[in-house]
Protein backbone atom coordinates (compact mmCIF):
# COMPACT_ATOMS: atom_id res chain seq x y z
CA UNK A 1 -20.26 -13.34 19.49
CA UNK A 2 -20.59 -11.86 16.01
CA UNK A 3 -16.83 -11.65 15.42
CA UNK A 4 -16.82 -15.44 14.97
CA UNK A 5 -19.39 -15.30 12.16
CA UNK A 6 -18.44 -15.06 8.48
CA UNK A 7 -18.35 -11.49 7.21
CA UNK A 8 -19.93 -12.41 3.89
CA UNK A 9 -22.59 -15.12 4.10
CA UNK A 10 -23.23 -16.74 0.78
CA UNK A 11 -25.99 -19.18 1.60
CA UNK A 12 -27.58 -21.35 4.24
CA UNK A 13 -29.51 -24.62 4.20
CA UNK A 14 -31.30 -26.94 6.60
CA UNK A 15 -32.98 -30.32 7.00
CA UNK A 16 -35.68 -30.97 9.58
CA UNK A 17 -36.36 -34.42 11.06
CA UNK A 18 -39.66 -34.67 12.94
CA UNK A 19 -39.74 -37.39 15.62
CA UNK A 20 -36.03 -38.21 15.19
CA UNK A 21 -33.20 -37.05 17.46
CA UNK A 22 -29.71 -36.60 16.04
CA UNK A 23 -26.69 -36.50 18.35
CA UNK A 24 -24.70 -33.39 17.42
CA UNK A 25 -21.44 -34.89 18.70
CA UNK A 26 -21.95 -38.08 16.67
CA UNK A 27 -22.93 -36.10 13.57
CA UNK A 28 -19.97 -33.70 13.82
CA UNK A 29 -17.55 -36.58 14.34
CA UNK A 30 -18.92 -38.34 11.25
CA UNK A 31 -18.82 -35.18 9.07
CA UNK A 32 -15.23 -34.46 10.09
CA UNK A 33 -14.16 -38.07 9.51
CA UNK A 34 -15.78 -38.22 6.07
CA UNK A 35 -14.19 -34.93 5.06
CA UNK A 36 -10.75 -35.91 6.38
CA UNK A 37 -10.97 -39.00 4.13
CA UNK A 38 -10.94 -36.63 1.13
CA UNK A 39 -7.36 -35.59 2.11
CA UNK A 40 -7.91 -31.92 1.27
CA UNK A 41 -4.89 -29.88 2.40
CA UNK A 42 -5.03 -26.75 4.58
CA UNK A 43 -8.37 -27.47 6.25
CA UNK A 44 -9.12 -26.59 9.86
CA UNK A 45 -11.84 -28.21 11.96
CA UNK A 46 -13.08 -26.78 15.24
CA UNK A 47 -16.06 -26.83 17.53
CA UNK A 48 -17.36 -23.29 17.94
CA UNK A 49 -20.11 -21.94 20.18
CA UNK A 50 -22.72 -19.39 19.12
CA UNK A 51 -25.37 -18.00 21.44
CA UNK A 52 -28.89 -19.21 20.65
CA UNK A 53 -30.45 -15.76 20.97
CA UNK A 54 -28.01 -13.23 22.38
CA UNK A 55 -25.14 -12.67 24.76
CA UNK A 56 -26.90 -14.05 27.85
CA UNK A 57 -28.60 -17.04 26.20
CA UNK A 58 -27.38 -20.63 26.07
CA UNK A 59 -24.72 -21.53 23.55
CA UNK A 60 -25.23 -23.89 20.63
CA UNK A 61 -22.20 -25.81 19.40
CA UNK A 62 -21.36 -25.82 15.68
CA UNK A 63 -18.70 -27.63 13.69
CA UNK A 64 -16.62 -25.17 11.70
CA UNK A 65 -14.74 -26.38 8.64
CA UNK A 66 -12.52 -23.74 7.09
CA UNK A 67 -10.18 -23.51 4.10
CA UNK A 68 -8.54 -20.14 3.56
CA UNK A 69 -11.35 -17.57 3.82
CA UNK A 70 -14.12 -20.10 3.07
CA UNK A 71 -16.10 -21.25 6.10
CA UNK A 72 -18.83 -23.81 6.79
CA UNK A 73 -20.58 -23.62 10.15
CA UNK A 74 -22.62 -26.80 10.63
CA UNK A 75 -25.25 -27.33 13.34
CA UNK A 76 -27.10 -30.47 14.41
CA UNK A 77 -29.56 -29.71 17.19
CA UNK A 78 -32.84 -30.82 18.80
CA UNK A 79 -36.05 -29.06 17.85
CA UNK A 80 -39.09 -30.13 19.85
CA UNK A 81 -39.37 -33.91 19.55
CA UNK A 82 -37.28 -33.84 16.37
CA UNK A 83 -34.03 -32.30 15.27
CA UNK A 84 -32.46 -30.39 12.43
CA UNK A 85 -29.20 -30.02 10.56
CA UNK A 86 -28.24 -26.63 9.21
CA UNK A 87 -25.19 -25.15 7.62
CA UNK A 88 -24.03 -21.69 6.82
CA UNK A 89 -21.45 -21.08 4.14
CA UNK A 90 -19.55 -17.83 3.85
CA UNK A 91 -16.27 -16.00 3.77
CA UNK A 92 -14.36 -14.96 6.88
CA UNK A 93 -11.61 -12.36 6.77
CA UNK A 94 -8.79 -11.24 9.07
CA UNK A 95 -9.32 -8.19 11.27
CA UNK A 96 -8.01 -5.50 8.83
CA UNK A 97 -10.57 -6.53 6.21
CA UNK A 98 -13.30 -6.84 8.86
CA UNK A 99 -12.52 -3.28 9.93
CA UNK A 100 -12.80 -1.99 6.35
CA UNK A 101 -16.09 -3.85 5.88
CA UNK A 102 -17.55 -2.07 8.91
CA UNK A 103 -16.87 1.45 7.59
CA UNK A 104 -19.75 3.00 5.62
CA UNK A 105 -19.04 3.51 1.89
CA UNK A 106 -15.51 2.02 2.20
CA UNK A 107 -17.14 -1.24 3.32
CA UNK A 108 -19.33 -1.26 0.22
CA UNK A 109 -16.29 -0.81 -2.07
CA UNK A 110 -14.32 -3.41 -0.11
CA UNK A 111 -17.16 -5.92 -0.42
CA UNK A 112 -17.28 -5.34 -4.21
CA UNK A 113 -13.49 -5.77 -4.49
CA UNK A 114 -13.54 -9.03 -2.51
CA UNK A 115 -15.91 -10.51 -5.10
CA UNK A 116 -13.22 -10.13 -7.80
CA UNK A 117 -11.66 -13.58 -7.94
CA UNK A 118 -9.58 -15.51 -10.46
CA UNK A 119 -11.01 -18.58 -12.17
CA UNK A 120 -8.90 -20.78 -9.89
CA UNK A 121 -10.16 -19.03 -6.74
CA UNK A 122 -13.74 -19.48 -7.92
CA UNK A 123 -13.09 -23.14 -8.79
CA UNK A 124 -11.50 -23.78 -5.39
CA UNK A 125 -14.40 -22.06 -3.63
CA UNK A 126 -17.02 -24.10 -5.47
CA UNK A 127 -15.22 -27.44 -5.13
CA UNK A 128 -14.77 -26.84 -1.38
CA UNK A 129 -18.48 -26.06 -1.13
CA UNK A 130 -19.55 -29.09 -3.20
CA UNK A 131 -17.28 -31.42 -1.19
CA UNK A 132 -18.58 -30.22 2.18
CA UNK A 133 -22.22 -30.33 1.08
CA UNK A 134 -21.66 -33.89 -0.15
CA UNK A 135 -20.13 -34.89 3.19
CA UNK A 136 -23.00 -33.25 5.11
CA UNK A 137 -25.51 -35.21 3.03
CA UNK A 138 -23.58 -38.50 3.31
CA UNK A 139 -23.32 -38.15 7.10
CA UNK A 140 -27.05 -37.42 7.31
CA UNK A 141 -27.82 -40.59 5.33
CA UNK A 142 -25.46 -42.72 7.44
CA UNK A 143 -27.16 -41.57 10.64
CA UNK A 144 -30.78 -41.68 9.42
CA UNK A 145 -30.87 -44.78 7.19
CA UNK A 146 -30.24 -47.39 9.94
CA UNK A 147 -33.27 -46.01 11.80
CA UNK A 148 -35.49 -46.09 8.72
CA UNK A 149 -35.74 -42.31 8.62
CA UNK A 150 -36.38 -41.09 5.11
CA UNK A 151 -35.02 -37.66 4.32
CA UNK A 152 -35.48 -35.20 1.52
CA UNK A 153 -32.78 -35.49 -1.10
CA UNK A 154 -32.29 -31.73 -1.11
CA UNK A 155 -32.35 -29.48 1.95
CA UNK A 156 -34.73 -26.59 2.50
CA UNK A 157 -33.23 -23.44 1.08
CA UNK A 158 -34.84 -20.40 2.69
CA UNK A 159 -32.79 -17.85 0.77
CA UNK A 160 -29.34 -17.07 -0.52
CA UNK A 161 -27.37 -14.27 1.01
CA UNK A 162 -25.47 -13.45 -2.18
CA UNK A 163 -28.27 -11.23 -3.50
CA UNK A 164 -28.47 -9.40 -0.18
CA UNK A 165 -24.82 -8.37 -0.45
CA UNK A 166 -24.75 -7.51 -4.15
């Protein structure tokens, strides 16, 4: 379950829509289509399941968009008589790095070292993030606007994970 999650979560966001149901399949299809139109090379798209609460709970399907180590996990799901859209942005590493991250003290040094990036790597990371967030917002508008659902321009930001890992 947790091996599918990013090792370093940078941030997460969400929108809540009371009294409005969003089809996750329709939303994921639209997000993927809008992003494919950007013609960004070396992107992978996949549907991935995460348990809602734990190993024996129901699964919730997410759309994962990944470029290199950078990962967006996007969820559109019902919540009561409404629904929500959330996304988690982070970095996901191959198993040797994941192993190092799990070792006390060595994991701390590894995490610090992974933050050392060139200007180009930082630019690529931020442009990927900006592009995906724009697509998420555009898809939300395309689904909500025809139904007269007004949405907040900016999502709710509960916290950023960057400070937790510093």
